[in-house]
PDB file of N, CA and C in Angstrom:
ATOM      1  N   MET A   1       1.220  -1.092  -0.053  1.00  0.00           N
ATOM      2  CA  MET A   1      -0.095   0.167  -0.048  1.00  0.00           C
ATOM      3  C   MET A   1       1.118   1.317   0.057  1.00  0.00           C
ATOM      4  N   GLY A   2       0.628   2.528  -0.701  1.00  0.00           N
ATOM      5  CA  GLY A   2       1.188   3.552  -0.995  1.00  0.00           C
ATOM      6  C   GLY A   2       1.092   4.425   0.327  1.00  0.00           C
ATOM      7  N   THR A   3       1.588   5.837   0.148  1.00  0.00           N
ATOM      8  CA  THR A   3       1.729   6.807   1.317  1.00  0.00           C
ATOM      9  C   THR A   3       0.397   7.497   0.841  1.00  0.00           C
ATOM     10  N   HIS A   4       0.221   8.003   1.712  1.00  0.00           N
ATOM     11  CA  HIS A   4      -1.265   9.003   1.581  1.00  0.00           C
ATOM     12  C   HIS A   4      -0.962   9.997   0.187  1.00  0.00           C
ATOM     13  N   ASP A   5       0.081  10.492   0.151  1.00  0.00           N
ATOM     14  CA  ASP A   5       0.680  11.495  -1.240  1.00  0.00           C
ATOM     15  C   ASP A   5       0.574  10.515  -2.649  1.00  0.00           C
ATOM     16  N   GLU A   6       1.296   9.108  -2.285  1.00  0.00           N
ATOM     17  CA  GLU A   6       0.995   8.317  -3.827  1.00  0.00           C
ATOM     18  C   GLU A   6       0.101   7.856  -4.027  1.00  0.00           C
ATOM     19  N   GLN A   7      -1.176   8.031  -2.884  1.00  0.00           N
ATOM     20  CA  GLN A   7      -2.538   7.799  -3.481  1.00  0.00           C
ATOM     21  C   GLN A   7      -3.523   8.848  -3.890  1.00  0.00           C
ATOM     22  N   HIS A   8      -3.144  10.030  -3.051  1.00  0.00           N
ATOM     23  CA  HIS A   8      -3.562  11.008  -3.777  1.00  0.00           C
ATOM     24  C   HIS A   8      -3.047  11.277  -5.178  1.00  0.00           C
ATOM     25  N   ASP A   9      -1.642  10.814  -5.435  1.00  0.00           N
ATOM     26  CA  ASP A   9      -1.562  11.321  -6.907  1.00  0.00           C
ATOM     27  C   ASP A   9      -2.146  10.806  -7.545  1.00  0.00           C
ATOM     28  N   ARG A  10      -1.966   9.187  -7.460  1.00  0.00           N
ATOM     29  CA  ARG A  10      -3.007   8.569  -8.294  1.00  0.00           C
ATOM     30  C   ARG A  10      -4.651   8.500  -8.489  1.00  0.00           C
ATOM     31  N   ALA A  11      -4.546   9.319  -7.579  1.00  0.00           N
ATOM     32  CA  ALA A  11      -6.632   9.197  -7.632  1.00  0.00           C
ATOM     33  C   ALA A  11      -6.598  10.405  -8.313  1.00  0.00           C
ATOM     34  N   ALA A  12      -5.969  11.356  -8.706  1.00  0.00           N
ATOM     35  CA  ALA A  12      -5.829  12.672  -9.168  1.00  0.00           C
ATOM     36  C   ALA A  12      -5.660  12.257 -10.665  1.00  0.00           C
ATOM     37  N   GLU A  13      -4.466  11.590 -10.982  1.00  0.00           N
ATOM     38  CA  GLU A  13      -4.147  10.605 -12.022  1.00  0.00           C
ATOM     39  C   GLU A  13      -5.471  10.111 -12.959  1.00  0.00           C
ATOM     40  N   SER A  14      -6.445   9.411 -12.360  1.00  0.00           N
ATOM     41  CA  SER A  14      -7.502   8.967 -12.339  1.00  0.00           C
ATOM     42  C   SER A  14      -8.489   9.874 -13.074  1.00  0.00           C
ATOM     43  N   PHE A  15      -8.816  10.780 -12.345  1.00  0.00           N
ATOM     44  CA  PHE A  15      -9.548  11.626 -12.384  1.00  0.00           C
ATOM     45  C   PHE A  15      -9.430  12.559 -13.971  1.00  0.00           C
ATOM     46  N   GLU A  16      -8.069  12.974 -14.093  1.00  0.00           N
ATOM     47  CA  GLU A  16      -7.474  13.776 -14.797  1.00  0.00           C
ATOM     48  C   GLU A  16      -8.011  12.329 -16.251  1.00  0.00           C
ATOM     49  N   SER A  17      -7.626  11.411 -15.876  1.00  0.00           N
ATOM     50  CA  SER A  17      -7.840  10.611 -17.243  1.00  0.00           C
ATOM     51  C   SER A  17      -9.181  10.483 -17.529  1.00  0.00           C
ATOM     52  N   LEU A  18     -10.060  10.465 -16.655  1.00  0.00           N
ATOM     53  CA  LEU A  18     -11.680  10.308 -17.015  1.00  0.00           C
ATOM     54  C   LEU A  18     -12.266  11.533 -17.442  1.00  0.00           C
ATOM     55  N   ALA A  19     -11.479  12.758 -16.838  1.00  0.00           N
ATOM     56  CA  ALA A  19     -11.962  14.040 -17.731  1.00  0.00           C
ATOM     57  C   ALA A  19     -11.640  14.190 -19.088  1.00  0.00           C
ATOM     58  N   ASP A  20     -10.252  13.216 -19.613  1.00  0.00           N
ATOM     59  CA  ASP A  20      -9.936  13.490 -21.108  1.00  0.00           C
ATOM     60  C   ASP A  20     -10.843  12.456 -21.457  1.00  0.00           C
ATOM     61  N   SER A  21     -11.149  11.261 -21.245  1.00  0.00           N
ATOM     62  CA  SER A  21     -12.055  10.280 -21.725  1.00  0.00           C
ATOM     63  C   SER A  21     -13.714  11.172 -22.051  1.00  0.00           C
ATOM     64  N   ALA A  22     -13.792  11.679 -20.987  1.00  0.00           N
ATOM     65  CA  ALA A  22     -15.202  12.594 -21.389  1.00  0.00           C
ATOM     66  C   ALA A  22     -15.472  13.742 -22.216  1.00  0.00           C
ATOM     67  N   GLU A  23     -13.909  14.201 -22.490  1.00  0.00           N
ATOM     68  CA  GLU A  23     -13.986  15.437 -23.372  1.00  0.00           C
ATOM     69  C   GLU A  23     -13.867  15.110 -24.540  1.00  0.00           C
ATOM     70  N   MET A  24     -13.052  13.396 -24.887  1.00  0.00           N
ATOM     71  CA  MET A  24     -13.122  13.441 -25.772  1.00  0.00           C
ATOM     72  C   MET A  24     -14.495  12.770 -26.269  1.00  0.00           C
ATOM     73  N   ALA A  25     -15.171  12.187 -25.431  1.00  0.00           N
ATOM     74  CA  ALA A  25     -16.750  11.608 -25.551  1.00  0.00           C
ATOM     75  C   ALA A  25     -17.428  12.924 -26.369  1.00  0.00           C
ATOM     76  N   ALA A  26     -17.378  13.746 -25.655  1.00  0.00           N
ATOM     77  CA  ALA A  26     -18.255  15.002 -25.817  1.00  0.00           C
ATOM     78  C   ALA A  26     -17.803  15.365 -27.541  1.00  0.00           C
ATOM     79  N   ARG A  27     -16.430  15.577 -27.780  1.00  0.00           N
ATOM     80  CA  ARG A  27     -16.212  15.963 -28.774  1.00  0.00           C
ATOM     81  C   ARG A  27     -17.037  15.172 -29.959  1.00  0.00           C
ATOM     82  N   THR A  28     -17.065  13.951 -29.783  1.00  0.00           N
ATOM     83  CA  THR A  28     -17.052  12.806 -30.765  1.00  0.00           C
ATOM     84  C   THR A  28     -18.618  12.812 -31.120  1.00  0.00           C
ATOM     85  N   ALA A  29     -19.261  12.945 -29.747  1.00  0.00           N
ATOM     86  CA  ALA A  29     -20.889  13.604 -29.634  1.00  0.00           C
ATOM     87  C   ALA A  29     -21.242  14.537 -30.741  1.00  0.00           C
ATOM     88  N   GLU A  30     -20.284  15.652 -30.638  1.00  0.00           N
ATOM     89  CA  GLU A  30     -20.443  17.073 -31.096  1.00  0.00           C
ATOM     90  C   GLU A  30     -20.310  16.878 -32.539  1.00  0.00           C
ATOM     91  N   MET A  31     -19.479  16.094 -32.933  1.00  0.00           N
ATOM     92  CA  MET A  31     -19.003  15.695 -34.421  1.00  0.00           C
ATOM     93  C   MET A  31     -20.147  15.005 -35.009  1.00  0.00           C
ATOM     94  N   SER A  32     -20.812  13.814 -34.533  1.00  0.00           N
ATOM     95  CA  SER A  32     -21.871  12.698 -34.802  1.00  0.00           C
ATOM     96  C   SER A  32     -23.287  13.715 -34.819  1.00  0.00           C
ATOM     97  N   ALA A  33     -23.191  14.771 -33.903  1.00  0.00           N
ATOM     98  CA  ALA A  33     -24.565  15.691 -34.316  1.00  0.00           C
ATOM     99  C   ALA A  33     -24.273  16.858 -35.117  1.00  0.00           C
ATOM    100  N   ARG A  34     -23.258  16.694 -35.845  1.00  0.00           N
ATOM    101  CA  ARG A  34     -23.374  17.921 -37.239  1.00  0.00           C
ATOM    102  C   ARG A  34     -23.199  16.969 -38.312  1.00  0.00           C
ATOM    103  N   VAL A  35     -23.073  15.804 -38.644  1.00  0.00           N
ATOM    104  CA  VAL A  35     -23.045  15.035 -39.240  1.00  0.00           C
ATOM    105  C   VAL A  35     -25.019  14.768 -39.602  1.00  0.00           C
ATOM    106  N   HIS A  36     -25.111  14.443 -38.297  1.00  0.00           N
ATOM    107  CA  HIS A  36     -26.767  13.891 -38.539  1.00  0.00           C
ATOM    108  C   HIS A  36     -27.603  15.065 -38.890  1.00  0.00           C
ATOM    109  N   ASP A  37     -27.111  16.820 -38.538  1.00  0.00           N
ATOM    110  CA  ASP A  37     -28.305  17.620 -39.015  1.00  0.00           C
ATOM    111  C   ASP A  37     -28.098  17.955 -40.257  1.00  0.00           C
ATOM    112  N   GLN A  38     -26.896  17.702 -40.910  1.00  0.00           N
ATOM    113  CA  GLN A  38     -26.767  17.513 -42.328  1.00  0.00           C
ATOM    114  C   GLN A  38     -27.278  16.496 -43.279  1.00  0.00           C
ATOM    115  N   MET A  39     -27.715  15.414 -42.466  1.00  0.00           N
ATOM    116  CA  MET A  39     -28.366  14.622 -43.141  1.00  0.00           C
ATOM    117  C   MET A  39     -30.000  14.412 -42.859  1.00  0.00           C
ATOM    118  N   THR A  40     -30.543  15.319 -42.304  1.00  0.00           N
ATOM    119  CA  THR A  40     -31.904  15.551 -41.943  1.00  0.00           C
ATOM    120  C   THR A  40     -33.171  15.093 -43.212  1.00  0.00           C
ATOM    121  N   ASP A  41     -32.506  16.068 -44.361  1.00  0.00           N
ATOM    122  CA  ASP A  41     -33.407  15.832 -45.118  1.00  0.00           C
ATOM    123  C   ASP A  41     -33.727  14.430 -46.026  1.00  0.00           C
ATOM    124  N   ARG A  42     -32.495  13.907 -45.459  1.00  0.00           N
ATOM    125  CA  ARG A  42     -32.380  12.757 -46.535  1.00  0.00           C
ATOM    126  C   ARG A  42     -32.608  10.787 -45.634  1.00  0.00           C
ATOM    127  N   VAL A  43     -32.449  11.197 -44.132  1.00  0.00           N
ATOM    128  CA  VAL A  43     -32.636  10.091 -43.485  1.00  0.00           C
ATOM    129  C   VAL A  43     -33.467  10.518 -42.390  1.00  0.00           C
ATOM    130  N   ALA A  44     -34.450   9.191 -42.163  1.00  0.00           N
ATOM    131  CA  ALA A  44     -35.127   9.685 -41.048  1.00  0.00           C
ATOM    132  C   ALA A  44     -34.757   9.097 -39.746  1.00  0.00           C
ATOM    133  N   GLY A  45     -35.003  10.220 -38.776  1.00  0.00           N
ATOM    134  CA  GLY A  45     -34.306  10.137 -37.800  1.00  0.00           C
ATOM    135  C   GLY A  45     -33.347  10.609 -37.348  1.00  0.00           C
ATOM    136  N   ALA A  46     -32.472  11.390 -38.447  1.00  0.00           N
ATOM    137  CA  ALA A  46     -31.209  11.982 -38.259  1.00  0.00           C
ATOM    138  C   ALA A  46     -31.140  13.480 -37.462  1.00  0.00           C
ATOM    139  N   ALA A  47     -32.518  13.867 -37.701  1.00  0.00           N
ATOM    140  CA  ALA A  47     -32.447  14.925 -36.177  1.00  0.00           C
ATOM    141  C   ALA A  47     -32.721  14.993 -35.134  1.00  0.00           C
ATOM    142  N   GLU A  48     -33.715  13.812 -34.832  1.00  0.00           N
ATOM    143  CA  GLU A  48     -33.707  13.230 -33.493  1.00  0.00           C
ATOM    144  C   GLU A  48     -31.915  12.365 -32.869  1.00  0.00           C
ATOM    145  N   HIS A  49     -31.733  12.157 -33.498  1.00  0.00           N
ATOM    146  CA  HIS A  49     -29.841  11.225 -33.281  1.00  0.00           C
ATOM    147  C   HIS A  49     -29.128  12.770 -32.863  1.00  0.00           C
ATOM    148  N   ALA A  50     -29.683  13.376 -33.734  1.00  0.00           N
ATOM    149  CA  ALA A  50     -28.562  15.093 -33.392  1.00  0.00           C
ATOM    150  C   ALA A  50     -29.146  15.658 -32.425  1.00  0.00           C
ATOM    151  N   GLU A  51     -30.162  15.406 -32.244  1.00  0.00           N
ATOM    152  CA  GLU A  51     -30.500  16.644 -30.338  1.00  0.00           C
ATOM    153  C   GLU A  51     -29.965  15.130 -29.404  1.00  0.00           C
ATOM    154  N   ARG A  52     -30.223  13.669 -29.524  1.00  0.00           N
ATOM    155  CA  ARG A  52     -29.876  12.758 -28.794  1.00  0.00           C
ATOM    156  C   ARG A  52     -28.332  13.053 -28.400  1.00  0.00           C
ATOM    157  N   ASP A  53     -27.050  13.362 -29.759  1.00  0.00           N
ATOM    158  CA  ASP A  53     -26.119  13.433 -29.707  1.00  0.00           C
ATOM    159  C   ASP A  53     -25.991  14.815 -29.065  1.00  0.00           C
ATOM    160  N   ARG A  54     -26.526  15.921 -28.843  1.00  0.00           N
ATOM    161  CA  ARG A  54     -26.102  17.186 -28.309  1.00  0.00           C
ATOM    162  C   ARG A  54     -26.376  16.809 -27.366  1.00  0.00           C
ATOM    163  N   THR A  55     -27.255  16.321 -26.228  1.00  0.00           N
ATOM    164  CA  THR A  55     -27.657  16.108 -25.257  1.00  0.00           C
ATOM    165  C   THR A  55     -26.283  15.473 -24.401  1.00  0.00           C
ATOM    166  N   LEU A  56     -25.920  14.343 -25.125  1.00  0.00           N
ATOM    167  CA  LEU A  56     -24.868  13.228 -24.913  1.00  0.00           C
ATOM    168  C   LEU A  56     -23.624  14.156 -24.370  1.00  0.00           C
ATOM    169  N   ALA A  57     -23.261  15.351 -25.502  1.00  0.00           N
ATOM    170  CA  ALA A  57     -22.105  15.977 -25.476  1.00  0.00           C
ATOM    171  C   ALA A  57     -22.020  17.284 -23.898  1.00  0.00           C
ATOM    172  N   ALA A  58     -23.522  17.299 -24.075  1.00  0.00           N
ATOM    173  CA  ALA A  58     -23.636  18.734 -22.878  1.00  0.00           C
ATOM    174  C   ALA A  58     -23.158  17.733 -21.315  1.00  0.00           C
ATOM    175  N   ALA A  59     -23.929  16.800 -21.619  1.00  0.00           N
ATOM    176  CA  ALA A  59     -23.318  16.032 -20.459  1.00  0.00           C
ATOM    177  C   ALA A  59     -21.811  15.431 -20.109  1.00  0.00           C
ATOM    178  N   GLU A  60     -21.322  14.977 -21.042  1.00  0.00           N
ATOM    179  CA  GLU A  60     -20.586  14.778 -21.070  1.00  0.00           C
ATOM    180  C   GLU A  60     -19.373  16.050 -20.809  1.00  0.00           C
ATOM    181  N   TRP A  61     -19.309  17.251 -21.408  1.00  0.00           N
ATOM    182  CA  TRP A  61     -18.822  18.131 -21.072  1.00  0.00           C
ATOM    183  C   TRP A  61     -18.788  18.795 -19.139  1.00  0.00           C
ATOM    184  N   GLU A  62     -20.212  18.711 -18.916  1.00  0.00           N
ATOM    185  CA  GLU A  62     -20.404  18.430 -17.286  1.00  0.00           C
ATOM    186  C   GLU A  62     -19.353  17.253 -16.802  1.00  0.00           C
ATOM    187  N   ALA A  63     -19.580  16.024 -17.395  1.00  0.00           N
ATOM    188  CA  ALA A  63     -18.825  15.168 -16.546  1.00  0.00           C
ATOM    189  C   ALA A  63     -17.518  15.457 -16.427  1.00  0.00           C
ATOM    190  N   ALA A  64     -16.675  16.153 -17.564  1.00  0.00           N
ATOM    191  CA  ALA A  64     -15.479  16.318 -17.570  1.00  0.00           C
ATOM    192  C   ALA A  64     -14.890  17.374 -16.411  1.00  0.00           C
ATOM    193  N   ALA A  65     -16.147  18.540 -16.647  1.00  0.00           N
ATOM    194  CA  ALA A  65     -15.663  19.500 -15.569  1.00  0.00           C
ATOM    195  C   ALA A  65     -15.791  19.016 -14.094  1.00  0.00           C
ATOM    196  N   ALA A  66     -16.646  18.112 -13.560  1.00  0.00           N
ATOM    197  CA  ALA A  66     -16.647  17.561 -12.539  1.00  0.00           C
ATOM    198  C   ALA A  66     -14.857  16.778 -11.922  1.00  0.00           C
ATOM    199  N   TYR A  67     -15.126  15.575 -13.143  1.00  0.00           N
ATOM    200  CA  TYR A  67     -13.403  14.944 -12.980  1.00  0.00           C
ATOM    201  C   TYR A  67     -12.631  15.966 -12.566  1.00  0.00           C
ATOM    202  N   ARG A  68     -12.547  17.691 -13.508  1.00  0.00           N
ATOM    203  CA  ARG A  68     -11.039  17.697 -13.249  1.00  0.00           C
ATOM    204  C   ARG A  68     -11.452  18.407 -11.943  1.00  0.00           C
ATOM    205  N   ALA A  69     -12.482  18.861 -11.234  1.00  0.00           N
ATOM    206  CA  ALA A  69     -12.606  19.148 -10.098  1.00  0.00           C
ATOM    207  C   ALA A  69     -12.253  18.052  -8.961  1.00  0.00           C
ATOM    208  N   HIS A  70     -12.231  16.850  -9.616  1.00  0.00           N
ATOM    209  CA  HIS A  70     -11.591  15.531  -8.610  1.00  0.00           C
ATOM    210  C   HIS A  70     -12.855  15.477  -8.096  1.00  0.00           C
ATOM    211  N   GLU A  71     -14.042  15.488  -8.773  1.00  0.00           N
ATOM    212  CA  GLU A  71     -15.514  15.281  -7.848  1.00  0.00           C
ATOM    213  C   GLU A  71     -16.112  14.305  -9.197  1.00  0.00           C
ATOM    214  N   VAL A  72     -16.985  13.578  -8.539  1.00  0.00           N
ATOM    215  CA  VAL A  72     -17.908  12.504  -9.551  1.00  0.00           C
ATOM    216  C   VAL A  72     -18.971  13.440  -9.470  1.00  0.00           C
ATOM    217  N   PRO A  73     -19.554  13.304 -11.140  1.00  0.00           N
ATOM    218  CA  PRO A  73     -20.485  13.631 -11.629  1.00  0.00           C
ATOM    219  C   PRO A  73     -21.251  13.803 -10.857  1.00  0.00           C
ATOM    220  N   PRO A  74     -22.572  14.586 -11.174  1.00  0.00           N
ATOM    221  CA  PRO A  74     -23.831  14.358 -10.698  1.00  0.00           C
ATOM    222  C   PRO A  74     -24.332  13.418 -10.703  1.00  0.00           C
ATOM    223  N   ASP A  75     -25.699  12.638 -10.290  1.00  0.00           N
ATOM    224  CA  ASP A  75     -26.217  11.224 -10.470  1.00  0.00           C
ATOM    225  C   ASP A  75     -27.011  11.876 -11.769  1.00  0.00           C
ATOM    226  N   GLU A  76     -27.866  12.863 -12.271  1.00  0.00           N
ATOM    227  CA  GLU A  76     -28.655  13.389 -13.197  1.00  0.00           C
ATOM    228  C   GLU A  76     -27.706  13.266 -14.452  1.00  0.00           C
ATOM    229  N   VAL A  77     -26.392  13.662 -14.353  1.00  0.00           N
ATOM    230  CA  VAL A  77     -25.693  13.859 -15.728  1.00  0.00           C
ATOM    231  C   VAL A  77     -24.976  12.288 -15.837  1.00  0.00           C
ATOM    232  N   ARG A  78     -24.551  11.655 -14.916  1.00  0.00           N
ATOM    233  CA  ARG A  78     -24.487  10.162 -15.310  1.00  0.00           C
ATOM    234  C   ARG A  78     -25.729   9.369 -16.235  1.00  0.00           C
ATOM    235  N   GLU A  79     -27.228   9.507 -15.658  1.00  0.00           N
ATOM    236  CA  GLU A  79     -27.790   8.999 -16.204  1.00  0.00           C
ATOM    237  C   GLU A  79     -27.984   9.531 -17.721  1.00  0.00           C
ATOM    238  N   THR A  80     -27.971  10.738 -17.916  1.00  0.00           N
ATOM    239  CA  THR A  80     -28.353  11.120 -19.299  1.00  0.00           C
ATOM    240  C   THR A  80     -27.052  10.570 -20.252  1.00  0.00           C
ATOM    241  N   ILE A  81     -26.070  10.492 -19.327  1.00  0.00           N
ATOM    242  CA  ILE A  81     -25.035   9.962 -20.392  1.00  0.00           C
ATOM    243  C   ILE A  81     -25.556   8.772 -20.901  1.00  0.00           C
ATOM    244  N   ARG A  82     -26.018   7.703 -19.610  1.00  0.00           N
ATOM    245  CA  ARG A  82     -26.522   5.980 -20.157  1.00  0.00           C
ATOM    246  C   ARG A  82     -27.210   6.067 -20.908  1.00  0.00           C
ATOM    247  N   ARG A  83     -28.188   6.940 -20.563  1.00  0.00           N
ATOM    248  CA  ARG A  83     -29.512   7.409 -21.949  1.00  0.00           C
ATOM    249  C   ARG A  83     -29.234   7.517 -22.937  1.00  0.00           C
ATOM    250  N   ALA A  84     -28.104   7.997 -23.064  1.00  0.00           N
ATOM    251  CA  ALA A  84     -28.261   9.074 -24.464  1.00  0.00           C
ATOM    252  C   ALA A  84     -27.585   8.277 -25.817  1.00  0.00           C
ATOM    253  N   GLY A  85     -27.591   6.861 -25.576  1.00  0.00           N
ATOM    254  CA  GLY A  85     -27.296   6.277 -26.401  1.00  0.00           C
ATOM    255  C   GLY A  85     -28.591   5.270 -27.007  1.00  0.00           C
ATOM    256  N   THR A  86     -29.720   5.651 -26.473  1.00  0.00           N
ATOM    257  CA  THR A  86     -30.922   4.833 -26.181  1.00  0.00           C
ATOM    258  C   THR A  86     -32.206   5.812 -26.999  1.00  0.00           C
ATOM    259  N   PRO A  87     -32.919   5.459 -28.112  1.00  0.00           N
ATOM    260  CA  PRO A  87     -33.632   6.237 -28.734  1.00  0.00           C
ATOM    261  C   PRO A  87     -34.881   6.186 -27.778  1.00  0.00           C
ATOM    262  N   GLN A  88     -35.396   7.041 -27.172  1.00  0.00           N
ATOM    263  CA  GLN A  88     -36.925   7.621 -26.336  1.00  0.00           C
ATOM    264  C   GLN A  88     -37.519   6.549 -26.489  1.00  0.00           C
ATOM    265  N   ASP A  89     -38.165   6.038 -27.836  1.00  0.00           N
ATOM    266  CA  ASP A  89     -39.239   5.176 -28.035  1.00  0.00           C
ATOM    267  C   ASP A  89     -38.555   4.214 -27.793  1.00  0.00           C
ATOM    268  N   ALA A  90     -37.497   3.591 -27.717  1.00  0.00           N
ATOM    269  CA  ALA A  90     -36.879   2.306 -27.666  1.00  0.00           C
ATOM    270  C   ALA A  90     -37.468   1.477 -26.112  1.00  0.00           C
ATOM    271  N   GLY A  91     -37.776   0.093 -26.503  1.00  0.00           N
ATOM    272  CA  GLY A  91     -38.635  -0.510 -25.144  1.00  0.00           C
ATOM    273  C   GLY A  91     -37.378  -1.452 -24.651  1.00  0.00           C
TER     274      GLY A  91
END
């Protein structure tokens, strides 16, 4: 078992890694939203998909900010991220 400082450093590294991952997911979701926005005239459901992507991106940015502050994102943010990949009408 490491010293308190070593444990703190490992925790800080973990939070930073989680923040980096959340930011990458947010950027990816934003890019996906832009692509789906361009497809709305040709593909059924594209507008809804773009909206889900924007919702996911916003939640991922919130999660990243929490991780950067060495905090766990709020429950509602984590739940939004969990639901984001599932269409609302899916059963």
